[in-house]
């Protein structure tokens, strides 16, 4: 089965972003501790991210604006993830981290419904199973490799170096996703 140009760019951007996120995902609690937080702050900050993202998806993600501007929303979401990487560089305490996680939750809430809608558009049931399998496999592999490398990067260098890399990778994901803005719907393949 041939994958469309749009979906190729969406997958490349997503795998890059998942890899980037997983660089610090497994060692996130250590980062929180380094800025003066504790286990509760780590759990609360992740909870804030997830709840804000979920609420944003449920309320704003269903609007007509999102439906008619989904490609732009994908690019905006990836761009916000890149800005979030810069945010991790400047966060100095749990309160700032909570604010950053609200921002990151909004980014996720923008990105997820628009990305999913575009990726699924026009797929038959057979194609859907095939392409979502590609996505699921690639996502897991990117997360696994990122988790392995992230701890190594922080051990050798620092969290600051890691977040510079995260910002760079999410900028690449934004650029990759922006390519979908110029692909005409009739040339979806």
Protein backbone atom coordinates (compact mmCIF):
# COMPACT_ATOMS: atom_id res chain seq x y z
CA UNK A 1 0.00 0.00 0.00
CA UNK A 2 1.24 3.42 -0.94
CA UNK A 3 1.32 6.05 1.78
CA UNK A 4 0.30 9.58 0.84
CA UNK A 5 2.72 12.51 0.88
CA UNK A 6 0.74 14.13 3.66
CA UNK A 7 0.86 11.03 5.82
CA UNK A 8 4.58 10.57 5.15
CA UNK A 9 5.24 14.08 6.47
CA UNK A 10 2.88 13.55 9.41
CA UNK A 11 4.64 10.31 10.34
CA UNK A 12 8.12 11.82 10.01
CA UNK A 13 7.14 14.81 12.16
CA UNK A 14 5.45 12.59 14.76
CA UNK A 15 8.29 10.09 15.03
CA UNK A 16 10.72 12.99 15.46
CA UNK A 17 8.53 14.55 18.16
CA UNK A 18 7.96 11.24 19.98
CA UNK A 19 11.69 10.57 19.94
CA UNK A 20 12.30 14.07 21.28
CA UNK A 21 9.73 13.73 24.06
CA UNK A 22 11.01 10.35 25.11
CA UNK A 23 14.54 11.68 25.53
CA UNK A 24 13.46 13.08 28.89
CA UNK A 25 10.23 11.19 29.62
CA UNK A 26 11.85 8.38 31.63
CA UNK A 27 14.04 10.82 33.62
CA UNK A 28 11.41 13.54 34.04
CA UNK A 29 11.15 13.06 37.81
CA UNK A 30 14.89 13.63 38.15
CA UNK A 31 14.51 16.92 36.28
CA UNK A 32 11.66 17.93 38.61
CA UNK A 33 13.82 17.11 41.63
CA UNK A 34 16.66 19.19 40.16
CA UNK A 35 14.43 22.28 40.08
CA UNK A 36 13.35 21.78 43.69
CA UNK A 37 10.28 19.65 43.17
CA UNK A 38 9.41 16.29 44.63
CA UNK A 39 7.50 13.19 43.56
CA UNK A 40 4.19 14.98 44.12
CA UNK A 41 5.30 17.89 41.88
CA UNK A 42 6.34 15.42 39.16
CA UNK A 43 2.98 13.65 39.31
CA UNK A 44 1.01 16.88 39.53
CA UNK A 45 2.81 18.47 36.60
CA UNK A 46 2.19 15.44 34.41
CA UNK A 47 -1.44 15.40 35.57
CA UNK A 48 -1.82 19.08 34.66
CA UNK A 49 -0.43 18.38 31.18
CA UNK A 50 -2.78 15.47 30.56
CA UNK A 51 -5.92 17.12 31.97
CA UNK A 52 -5.37 20.39 30.10
CA UNK A 53 -4.71 18.46 26.88
CA UNK A 54 -7.82 16.35 27.35
CA UNK A 55 -10.05 19.31 28.16
CA UNK A 56 -8.66 21.26 25.22
CA UNK A 57 -9.30 18.35 22.84
CA UNK A 58 -12.84 17.88 24.16
CA UNK A 59 -13.84 21.55 23.99
CA UNK A 60 -11.82 23.32 21.31
CA UNK A 61 -10.79 20.35 19.17
CA UNK A 62 -14.40 19.76 18.14
CA UNK A 63 -15.01 23.29 16.85
CA UNK A 64 -15.55 24.21 13.21
CA UNK A 65 -12.37 26.31 13.32
CA UNK A 66 -10.34 23.19 14.01
CA UNK A 67 -12.14 21.27 11.32
CA UNK A 68 -11.42 23.91 8.68
CA UNK A 69 -7.86 24.74 9.80
CA UNK A 70 -6.59 21.30 10.75
CA UNK A 71 -3.35 21.50 8.75
CA UNK A 72 -2.41 24.80 10.34
CA UNK A 73 -3.29 23.39 13.75
CA UNK A 74 -0.85 20.51 13.21
CA UNK A 75 1.96 22.94 12.43
CA UNK A 76 0.99 25.16 15.37
CA UNK A 77 0.98 22.16 17.72
CA UNK A 78 4.44 21.02 16.68
CA UNK A 79 5.69 24.62 16.88
CA UNK A 80 4.37 24.92 20.42
CA UNK A 81 6.21 21.71 21.35
CA UNK A 82 9.43 23.34 20.09
CA UNK A 83 8.74 26.42 22.22
CA UNK A 84 8.07 24.10 25.14
CA UNK A 85 11.62 22.78 24.81
CA UNK A 86 12.86 26.32 25.36
CA UNK A 87 10.49 26.53 28.33
CA UNK A 88 12.20 23.57 29.99
CA UNK A 89 15.49 25.44 29.66
CA UNK A 90 14.22 28.37 31.70
CA UNK A 91 12.00 26.63 34.28
CA UNK A 92 13.48 27.06 37.77
CA UNK A 93 10.75 25.81 40.14
CA UNK A 94 7.59 23.70 40.32
CA UNK A 95 5.24 26.63 39.84
CA UNK A 96 6.92 27.59 36.58
CA UNK A 97 6.84 23.95 35.54
CA UNK A 98 3.09 23.81 36.18
CA UNK A 99 2.60 26.82 33.86
CA UNK A 100 4.78 25.21 31.23
CA UNK A 101 2.76 22.00 31.48
CA UNK A 102 -0.45 23.99 30.86
CA UNK A 103 1.19 25.34 27.70
CA UNK A 104 2.33 21.85 26.69
CA UNK A 105 -1.15 20.45 27.37
CA UNK A 106 -2.62 23.07 25.04
CA UNK A 107 -0.01 22.15 22.41
CA UNK A 108 -1.00 18.49 22.71
CA UNK A 109 -4.68 19.44 22.63
CA UNK A 110 -4.13 21.35 19.39
CA UNK A 111 -1.95 18.72 17.77
CA UNK A 112 -3.67 15.44 18.55
CA UNK A 113 -7.17 15.88 17.08
CA UNK A 114 -5.95 17.72 13.99
CA UNK A 115 -3.11 15.23 13.34
CA UNK A 116 -5.42 12.23 13.81
CA UNK A 117 -8.09 13.72 11.56
CA UNK A 118 -5.69 14.46 8.72
CA UNK A 119 -3.90 11.13 9.03
CA UNK A 120 -7.17 9.18 8.91
CA UNK A 121 -8.82 11.21 6.14
CA UNK A 122 -9.82 9.12 3.18
CA UNK A 123 -8.47 5.81 4.47
CA UNK A 124 -10.45 2.63 3.94
CA UNK A 125 -10.73 0.19 6.83
CA UNK A 126 -7.93 -1.94 5.36
CA UNK A 127 -5.69 1.08 4.80
CA UNK A 128 -6.51 2.41 8.25
CA UNK A 129 -5.32 -0.80 9.94
CA UNK A 130 -2.17 -0.85 7.81
CA UNK A 131 -1.21 2.80 8.35
CA UNK A 132 -2.13 2.94 12.03
CA UNK A 133 0.08 -0.13 12.47
CA UNK A 134 2.94 1.77 10.86
CA UNK A 135 2.26 4.69 13.18
CA UNK A 136 2.01 2.51 16.30
CA UNK A 137 5.19 0.59 15.53
CA UNK A 138 7.17 3.71 14.64
CA UNK A 139 5.92 5.52 17.74
CA UNK A 140 7.00 2.71 20.07
CA UNK A 141 10.41 2.37 18.41
CA UNK A 142 11.01 6.16 18.53
CA UNK A 143 10.01 6.22 22.21
CA UNK A 144 12.25 3.25 23.03
CA UNK A 145 15.30 4.66 21.29
CA UNK A 146 14.68 8.09 22.80
CA UNK A 147 14.41 6.65 26.31
CA UNK A 148 17.71 4.86 25.90
CA UNK A 149 19.52 7.88 24.52
CA UNK A 150 18.03 10.50 26.87
CA UNK A 151 19.57 9.08 30.02
CA UNK A 152 22.91 8.81 28.28
CA UNK A 153 22.78 12.45 27.12
CA UNK A 154 22.03 13.76 30.60
CA UNK A 155 24.70 11.51 32.13
CA UNK A 156 27.34 12.77 29.71
CA UNK A 157 26.25 16.40 29.45
CA UNK A 158 23.22 17.93 31.23
CA UNK A 159 19.48 18.53 31.14
CA UNK A 160 20.18 21.86 29.42
CA UNK A 161 21.92 20.06 26.56
CA UNK A 162 19.04 17.61 26.39
CA UNK A 163 16.45 20.39 26.17
CA UNK A 164 18.42 22.15 23.42
CA UNK A 165 18.29 18.88 21.48
CA UNK A 166 14.57 18.52 22.26
CA UNK A 167 13.93 22.04 20.97
CA UNK A 168 15.95 21.35 17.82
CA UNK A 169 14.13 18.08 17.12
CA UNK A 170 10.71 19.64 17.66
CA UNK A 171 11.69 22.46 15.32
CA UNK A 172 12.51 19.79 12.71
CA UNK A 173 9.09 18.19 13.39
CA UNK A 174 7.45 21.60 12.85
CA UNK A 175 9.26 22.07 9.53
CA UNK A 176 8.31 18.56 8.40
CA UNK A 177 4.68 19.11 9.34
CA UNK A 178 4.60 22.49 7.58
CA UNK A 179 5.14 20.67 4.29
CA UNK A 180 1.50 19.51 4.43
CA UNK A 181 0.36 23.12 4.00
CA UNK A 182 1.46 23.07 0.35
CA UNK A 183 0.07 19.69 -0.67
CA UNK A 184 -3.25 20.08 -2.42
CA UNK A 185 -6.08 17.84 -1.27
CA UNK A 186 -6.61 16.48 -4.78
CA UNK A 187 -2.94 15.40 -4.72
CA UNK A 188 -3.33 13.75 -1.38
CA UNK A 189 -1.37 10.74 -2.56
